[in-house]
Amino acid sequence: MMKPLVMLVDDEVPFVETMTKRLSKRDLKIITAFTGEEALELLDVNRNTDVVILDVKMPGMNGIETLERIRKLFPLVEVIMLTGHATVESAIEGMKLGAFDYLMKPCEVEQLMVKVHEAAQKKRNHEEKIREARVREALSVHGLE
């Protein structure tokens, strides 16, 4: 399996730097963004991103608003919400809006790794189903089914 391409989105620079080091050591390719707006711009350039790890509480466009935009613009990208104790309701709302899962901050790196690999696999399964459907459609159009 290819290394998942993961975007880490959080306004806390030390957290992002620490998590980037920890996740990179575990064979993930990491892209970082510090705002929801930046995350959307980077996703537009890095369309092969598998998973976004998204903080709920950020200034400007918060995690829930960012999640809604990601689901609309990049529907196959899976999103894992990160939340502090005060924003569990937001994380649950995120699940209703299509987040893959949510984890409490601070989270164990191993637990996050499990979620990232599960989310990346889900995205790849969706992509495979889309490819299969396109092949069937192409065969059907040419009477080769």
Protein backbone atom coordinates (compact mmCIF):
# COMPACT_ATOMS: atom_id res chain seq x y z
CA MET A 1 0.00 0.00 0.00
CA MET A 2 1.25 3.48 -0.85
CA LYS A 3 2.11 5.91 1.92
CA PRO A 4 -1.00 7.91 2.76
CA LEU A 5 -0.78 11.63 1.99
CA VAL A 6 -2.12 13.40 5.08
CA MET A 7 -2.90 17.06 5.64
CA LEU A 8 -2.63 18.32 9.20
CA VAL A 9 -4.71 21.48 9.84
CA ASP A 10 -4.37 23.28 13.17
CA ASP A 11 -3.70 26.88 14.15
CA GLU A 12 -1.28 25.84 16.94
CA VAL A 13 2.14 25.92 15.28
CA PRO A 14 4.02 23.89 17.97
CA PHE A 15 1.35 21.16 17.80
CA VAL A 16 1.59 21.00 14.01
CA GLU A 17 5.41 20.86 14.09
CA THR A 18 5.46 18.10 16.73
CA MET A 19 2.77 16.00 15.02
CA THR A 20 4.43 16.43 11.63
CA LYS A 21 7.68 14.99 13.03
CA ARG A 22 5.91 12.12 14.78
CA LEU A 23 3.74 11.17 11.82
CA SER A 24 6.55 11.52 9.26
CA LYS A 25 8.63 9.05 11.30
CA ARG A 26 5.73 6.61 10.92
CA ASP A 27 5.89 6.66 7.14
CA LEU A 28 3.20 9.23 6.37
CA LYS A 29 3.63 12.05 3.87
CA ILE A 30 2.48 15.22 5.65
CA ILE A 31 1.24 18.55 4.30
CA THR A 32 0.49 21.25 6.87
CA ALA A 33 -1.96 24.12 6.97
CA PHE A 34 -2.67 26.57 9.79
CA THR A 35 -6.13 27.81 8.70
CA GLY A 36 -9.19 26.35 7.02
CA GLU A 37 -8.68 28.65 4.04
CA GLU A 38 -5.08 27.49 3.61
CA ALA A 39 -6.20 23.86 3.86
CA LEU A 40 -8.68 24.33 1.00
CA GLU A 41 -6.05 26.04 -1.17
CA LEU A 42 -3.55 23.22 -0.52
CA LEU A 43 -6.16 20.52 -1.22
CA ASP A 44 -6.82 22.16 -4.58
CA VAL A 45 -3.13 21.76 -5.43
CA ASN A 46 -2.63 18.36 -3.73
CA ARG A 47 -5.67 16.53 -5.10
CA ASN A 48 -4.19 13.14 -4.18
CA THR A 49 -4.50 13.91 -0.44
CA ASP A 50 -6.02 10.90 1.32
CA VAL A 51 -6.83 12.16 4.81
CA VAL A 52 -7.18 15.55 6.51
CA ILE A 53 -6.61 15.74 10.27
CA LEU A 54 -8.60 18.82 11.15
CA ASP A 55 -8.79 20.79 14.39
CA VAL A 56 -12.34 21.82 15.31
CA LYS A 57 -11.43 25.08 17.03
CA MET A 58 -9.56 27.55 14.80
CA PRO A 59 -9.88 31.30 14.28
CA GLY A 60 -11.52 32.42 11.06
CA MET A 61 -13.01 29.41 9.28
CA ASN A 62 -13.45 26.84 12.05
CA GLY A 63 -13.11 23.08 11.62
CA ILE A 64 -16.81 22.47 11.01
CA GLU A 65 -16.97 25.10 8.25
CA THR A 66 -13.75 23.72 6.75
CA LEU A 67 -15.16 20.18 6.88
CA GLU A 68 -18.31 21.29 5.03
CA ARG A 69 -16.21 22.88 2.27
CA ILE A 70 -13.93 19.82 2.00
CA ARG A 71 -16.95 17.48 1.70
CA LYS A 72 -18.40 19.69 -1.07
CA LEU A 73 -15.18 20.34 -3.04
CA PHE A 74 -13.19 17.13 -2.37
CA PRO A 75 -15.82 14.48 -1.54
CA LEU A 76 -13.43 11.50 -1.52
CA VAL A 77 -10.97 13.00 0.99
CA GLU A 78 -11.57 11.57 4.46
CA VAL A 79 -11.49 13.94 7.45
CA ILE A 80 -10.56 13.10 11.03
CA MET A 81 -11.62 15.82 13.47
CA LEU A 82 -9.43 16.69 16.47
CA THR A 83 -11.19 18.25 19.41
CA GLY A 84 -10.55 19.48 22.91
CA HIS A 85 -12.97 18.60 25.72
CA ALA A 86 -14.99 21.79 25.24
CA THR A 87 -15.90 21.01 21.63
CA VAL A 88 -17.14 17.41 21.70
CA GLU A 89 -20.54 18.60 20.42
CA SER A 90 -18.78 20.12 17.41
CA ALA A 91 -17.01 16.85 16.73
CA ILE A 92 -20.31 14.98 16.84
CA GLU A 93 -21.76 17.57 14.44
CA GLY A 94 -18.72 16.91 12.25
CA MET A 95 -19.56 13.20 12.17
CA LYS A 96 -23.08 14.07 11.01
CA LEU A 97 -21.53 16.20 8.25
CA GLY A 98 -19.41 13.31 7.01
CA ALA A 99 -16.21 13.29 9.05
CA PHE A 100 -14.60 9.84 9.17
CA ASP A 101 -14.08 10.03 12.93
CA TYR A 102 -12.99 12.31 15.72
CA LEU A 103 -10.32 12.09 18.40
CA MET A 104 -9.82 14.02 21.62
CA LYS A 105 -6.74 16.22 21.97
CA PRO A 106 -4.18 15.34 23.05
CA CYS A 107 -4.45 12.01 21.26
CA GLU A 108 -2.12 9.04 21.22
CA VAL A 109 -0.08 8.95 18.02
CA GLU A 110 -0.70 5.21 17.61
CA GLN A 111 -4.46 5.71 17.87
CA LEU A 112 -4.25 8.49 15.29
CA MET A 113 -2.18 6.24 13.00
CA VAL A 114 -4.86 3.53 13.13
CA LYS A 115 -7.56 6.08 12.20
CA VAL A 116 -5.43 7.54 9.38
CA HIS A 117 -4.83 4.11 7.83
CA GLU A 118 -8.52 3.17 8.16
CA ALA A 119 -9.58 6.48 6.57
CA ALA A 120 -7.01 6.15 3.75
CA GLN A 121 -8.22 2.61 3.03
CA LYS A 122 -11.85 3.82 2.91
CA LYS A 123 -10.87 6.52 0.39
CA ARG A 124 -8.98 4.00 -1.74
CA ASN A 125 -11.94 1.60 -1.68
CA HIS A 126 -14.22 4.40 -2.90
CA GLU A 127 -11.76 5.27 -5.68
CA GLU A 128 -11.58 1.62 -6.74
CA LYS A 129 -15.40 1.36 -6.92
CA ILE A 130 -15.52 4.50 -9.06
CA ARG A 131 -12.86 3.08 -11.42
CA GLU A 132 -14.77 -0.22 -11.70
CA ALA A 133 -18.03 1.63 -12.43
CA ARG A 134 -16.31 3.69 -15.15
CA VAL A 135 -14.88 0.55 -16.76
CA ARG A 136 -18.33 -1.12 -16.72
CA GLU A 137 -19.87 2.02 -18.19
CA ALA A 138 -17.24 2.20 -20.95
CA LEU A 139 -17.69 -1.49 -21.78
CA SER A 140 -21.46 -1.05 -21.83
CA VAL A 141 -21.26 1.94 -24.16
CA HIS A 142 -19.28 -0.19 -26.62
CA GLY A 143 -21.49 -3.27 -26.16
CA LEU A 144 -18.69 -5.26 -24.55
CA GLU A 145 -20.19 -6.04 -21.13
